[in-house]
């Protein structure tokens, strides 16, 4: 099968099937993860979950994007 034929068949798949195929193809281009990469991903996932739970429980404060952007700009400029 030619790459063009394969492309046509892939585009005929459902949106979910195309997304799954695209994700698998992208992963196939990545270098294998090191133990440090796996540990870092696990730690970040746990941290994101902790933060999300705190927000859902009402235990976190938030700021508007314009306020955060201004604070960051101020810190970079001064």
N, C-alpha and C. Protein backbone atom coordinates (compact mmCIF):
# COMPACT_ATOMS: atom_id res chain seq x y z
N UNK A 1 0.85 -1.18 0.00
CA UNK A 1 0.00 0.00 0.00
C UNK A 1 0.90 1.24 0.00
N UNK A 2 0.49 2.25 -0.74
CA UNK A 2 1.26 3.49 -0.80
C UNK A 2 0.91 4.38 0.40
N UNK A 3 1.76 5.34 0.65
CA UNK A 3 1.48 6.26 1.75
C UNK A 3 0.21 7.05 1.48
N UNK A 4 -0.05 7.37 0.20
CA UNK A 4 -1.28 8.09 -0.13
C UNK A 4 -2.51 7.23 0.15
N UNK A 5 -2.45 5.95 -0.18
CA UNK A 5 -3.57 5.05 0.12
C UNK A 5 -3.78 4.91 1.62
N UNK A 6 -2.70 4.80 2.33
CA UNK A 6 -2.78 4.70 3.78
C UNK A 6 -3.38 5.97 4.36
N UNK A 7 -2.97 7.13 3.85
CA UNK A 7 -3.51 8.41 4.31
C UNK A 7 -5.00 8.48 4.06
N UNK A 8 -5.45 8.06 2.87
CA UNK A 8 -6.90 8.09 2.57
C UNK A 8 -7.67 7.19 3.52
N UNK A 9 -7.14 5.99 3.78
CA UNK A 9 -7.81 5.08 4.71
C UNK A 9 -7.85 5.66 6.12
N UNK A 10 -6.75 6.26 6.54
CA UNK A 10 -6.70 6.84 7.87
C UNK A 10 -7.72 7.97 8.01
N UNK A 11 -7.83 8.81 6.98
CA UNK A 11 -8.78 9.92 7.02
C UNK A 11 -10.23 9.46 6.99
N UNK A 12 -10.47 8.24 6.55
CA UNK A 12 -11.83 7.69 6.52
C UNK A 12 -12.26 7.15 7.88
N UNK A 13 -11.32 7.04 8.82
CA UNK A 13 -11.64 6.55 10.16
C UNK A 13 -12.49 7.57 10.91
N UNK A 14 -13.13 7.12 11.98
CA UNK A 14 -13.90 8.04 12.81
C UNK A 14 -12.94 9.00 13.51
N UNK A 15 -13.46 10.05 14.06
CA UNK A 15 -12.64 11.04 14.75
C UNK A 15 -11.86 10.41 15.91
N UNK A 16 -12.52 9.56 16.66
CA UNK A 16 -11.87 8.89 17.79
C UNK A 16 -10.75 7.97 17.30
N UNK A 17 -11.03 7.21 16.25
CA UNK A 17 -10.01 6.31 15.70
C UNK A 17 -8.82 7.09 15.14
N UNK A 18 -9.10 8.22 14.49
CA UNK A 18 -8.00 9.05 13.96
C UNK A 18 -7.17 9.62 15.10
N UNK A 19 -7.83 10.05 16.18
CA UNK A 19 -7.10 10.59 17.33
C UNK A 19 -6.22 9.53 17.96
N UNK A 20 -6.76 8.32 18.11
CA UNK A 20 -5.97 7.22 18.67
C UNK A 20 -4.76 6.91 17.79
N UNK A 21 -4.99 6.85 16.48
CA UNK A 21 -3.90 6.57 15.55
C UNK A 21 -2.84 7.67 15.60
N UNK A 22 -3.29 8.93 15.61
CA UNK A 22 -2.35 10.05 15.68
C UNK A 22 -1.51 9.98 16.95
N UNK A 23 -2.15 9.67 18.08
CA UNK A 23 -1.42 9.59 19.35
C UNK A 23 -0.38 8.47 19.28
N UNK A 24 -0.75 7.33 18.73
CA UNK A 24 0.20 6.21 18.62
C UNK A 24 1.36 6.56 17.70
N UNK A 25 1.07 7.25 16.60
CA UNK A 25 2.14 7.64 15.68
C UNK A 25 3.09 8.63 16.34
N UNK A 26 2.54 9.58 17.08
CA UNK A 26 3.40 10.55 17.76
C UNK A 26 4.28 9.88 18.81
N UNK A 27 3.70 8.96 19.57
CA UNK A 27 4.48 8.25 20.58
C UNK A 27 5.61 7.47 19.93
N UNK A 28 5.35 6.93 18.74
CA UNK A 28 6.38 6.13 18.07
C UNK A 28 7.58 6.97 17.66
N UNK A 29 7.43 8.29 17.60
CA UNK A 29 8.53 9.18 17.24
C UNK A 29 9.38 9.61 18.43
N UNK A 30 8.87 9.38 19.62
CA UNK A 30 9.57 9.81 20.83
C UNK A 30 10.65 8.81 21.21
N UNK A 31 11.65 9.34 21.88
CA UNK A 31 12.68 8.46 22.43
C UNK A 31 12.10 7.76 23.65
N UNK A 32 12.61 6.58 23.98
CA UNK A 32 12.12 5.89 25.18
C UNK A 32 12.34 6.75 26.43
N UNK A 33 11.41 6.65 27.34
CA UNK A 33 11.51 7.43 28.57
C UNK A 33 12.55 6.82 29.51
N UNK A 34 13.27 7.69 30.18
CA UNK A 34 14.20 7.22 31.19
C UNK A 34 13.43 7.04 32.50
N UNK A 35 14.06 6.40 33.46
CA UNK A 35 13.43 6.22 34.77
C UNK A 35 13.12 7.58 35.39
N UNK A 36 14.00 8.56 35.18
CA UNK A 36 13.77 9.91 35.71
C UNK A 36 12.54 10.54 35.07
N UNK A 37 12.37 10.34 33.76
CA UNK A 37 11.19 10.87 33.07
C UNK A 37 9.90 10.27 33.63
N UNK A 38 9.91 8.97 33.84
CA UNK A 38 8.73 8.28 34.37
C UNK A 38 8.41 8.80 35.77
N UNK A 39 9.44 8.94 36.60
CA UNK A 39 9.24 9.42 37.97
C UNK A 39 8.71 10.86 37.95
N UNK A 40 9.29 11.71 37.12
CA UNK A 40 8.85 13.10 37.04
C UNK A 40 7.40 13.19 36.58
N UNK A 41 7.04 12.39 35.59
CA UNK A 41 5.65 12.40 35.11
C UNK A 41 4.69 11.96 36.22
N UNK A 42 5.08 10.93 36.95
CA UNK A 42 4.26 10.44 38.05
C UNK A 42 4.10 11.50 39.14
N UNK A 43 5.21 12.18 39.47
CA UNK A 43 5.15 13.22 40.49
C UNK A 43 4.29 14.40 40.05
N UNK A 44 4.42 14.80 38.78
CA UNK A 44 3.60 15.89 38.27
C UNK A 44 2.12 15.50 38.26
N UNK A 45 1.82 14.28 37.87
CA UNK A 45 0.42 13.82 37.87
C UNK A 45 -0.16 13.88 39.28
N UNK A 46 0.62 13.43 40.25
CA UNK A 46 0.16 13.45 41.65
C UNK A 46 -0.04 14.89 42.12
N UNK A 47 0.86 15.78 41.75
CA UNK A 47 0.75 17.19 42.14
C UNK A 47 -0.48 17.84 41.51
N UNK A 48 -0.70 17.58 40.24
CA UNK A 48 -1.88 18.13 39.55
C UNK A 48 -3.15 17.63 40.21
N UNK A 49 -3.18 16.35 40.55
CA UNK A 49 -4.36 15.80 41.22
C UNK A 49 -4.57 16.46 42.58
N UNK A 50 -3.50 16.64 43.36
CA UNK A 50 -3.62 17.31 44.67
C UNK A 50 -4.18 18.71 44.51
N UNK A 51 -3.66 19.44 43.53
CA UNK A 51 -4.13 20.81 43.31
C UNK A 51 -5.58 20.85 42.86
N UNK A 52 -5.95 19.95 41.97
CA UNK A 52 -7.34 19.90 41.49
C UNK A 52 -8.29 19.57 42.63
N UNK A 53 -7.92 18.64 43.47
CA UNK A 53 -8.77 18.29 44.61
C UNK A 53 -8.93 19.47 45.56
N UNK A 54 -7.83 20.23 45.77
CA UNK A 54 -7.90 21.40 46.65
C UNK A 54 -8.83 22.45 46.06
N UNK A 55 -8.78 22.66 44.75
CA UNK A 55 -9.66 23.63 44.10
C UNK A 55 -11.11 23.18 44.21
N UNK A 56 -11.36 21.90 43.92
CA UNK A 56 -12.73 21.37 43.98
C UNK A 56 -13.30 21.48 45.39
N UNK A 57 -12.45 21.27 46.39
CA UNK A 57 -12.90 21.34 47.79
C UNK A 57 -13.06 22.77 48.27
N UNK A 58 -12.67 23.74 47.44
CA UNK A 58 -12.81 25.14 47.82
C UNK A 58 -11.65 25.64 48.68
N UNK A 59 -10.58 24.89 48.75
CA UNK A 59 -9.46 25.26 49.60
C UNK A 59 -8.35 26.00 48.89
N UNK A 60 -8.62 26.53 47.71
CA UNK A 60 -7.57 27.25 46.97
C UNK A 60 -8.14 28.57 46.47
N UNK A 61 -7.29 29.58 46.46
CA UNK A 61 -7.72 30.86 45.91
C UNK A 61 -7.22 30.94 44.47
N UNK A 62 -7.82 31.81 43.71
CA UNK A 62 -7.39 31.96 42.33
C UNK A 62 -7.32 33.44 41.99
N UNK A 63 -6.66 33.73 40.88
CA UNK A 63 -6.54 35.09 40.39
C UNK A 63 -6.91 35.10 38.92
N UNK A 64 -7.34 36.24 38.45
CA UNK A 64 -7.69 36.36 37.04
C UNK A 64 -6.42 36.32 36.20
N UNK A 65 -6.54 35.89 34.94
CA UNK A 65 -5.40 35.84 34.05
C UNK A 65 -4.77 37.22 33.87
N UNK A 66 -5.55 38.30 33.68
CA UNK A 66 -4.91 39.62 33.54
C UNK A 66 -4.06 39.99 34.77
N UNK A 67 -4.53 39.66 35.96
CA UNK A 67 -3.77 39.97 37.17
C UNK A 67 -2.47 39.18 37.22
N UNK A 68 -2.55 37.91 36.88
CA UNK A 68 -1.35 37.07 36.89
C UNK A 68 -0.37 37.55 35.82
N UNK A 69 -0.87 37.83 34.63
CA UNK A 69 -0.02 38.31 33.54
C UNK A 69 0.69 39.60 33.94
N UNK A 70 -0.02 40.50 34.60
CA UNK A 70 0.58 41.76 35.02
C UNK A 70 1.65 41.52 36.08
N UNK A 71 1.37 40.63 37.03
CA UNK A 71 2.35 40.32 38.07
C UNK A 71 3.63 39.74 37.47
N UNK A 72 3.48 38.83 36.51
CA UNK A 72 4.65 38.23 35.85
C UNK A 72 5.40 39.30 35.06
N UNK A 73 4.69 40.13 34.32
CA UNK A 73 5.33 41.20 33.54
C UNK A 73 6.10 42.13 34.46
N UNK A 74 5.49 42.49 35.59
CA UNK A 74 6.15 43.37 36.55
C UNK A 74 7.43 42.74 37.09
N UNK A 75 7.37 41.43 37.38
CA UNK A 75 8.56 40.76 37.93
C UNK A 75 9.67 40.66 36.89
N UNK A 76 9.32 40.54 35.62
CA UNK A 76 10.31 40.47 34.56
C UNK A 76 10.93 41.84 34.25
N UNK A 77 10.15 42.87 34.47
CA UNK A 77 10.61 44.23 34.14
C UNK A 77 11.30 44.92 35.30
N UNK A 78 11.22 44.31 36.45
CA UNK A 78 11.75 45.10 37.49
C UNK A 78 12.48 44.72 38.60
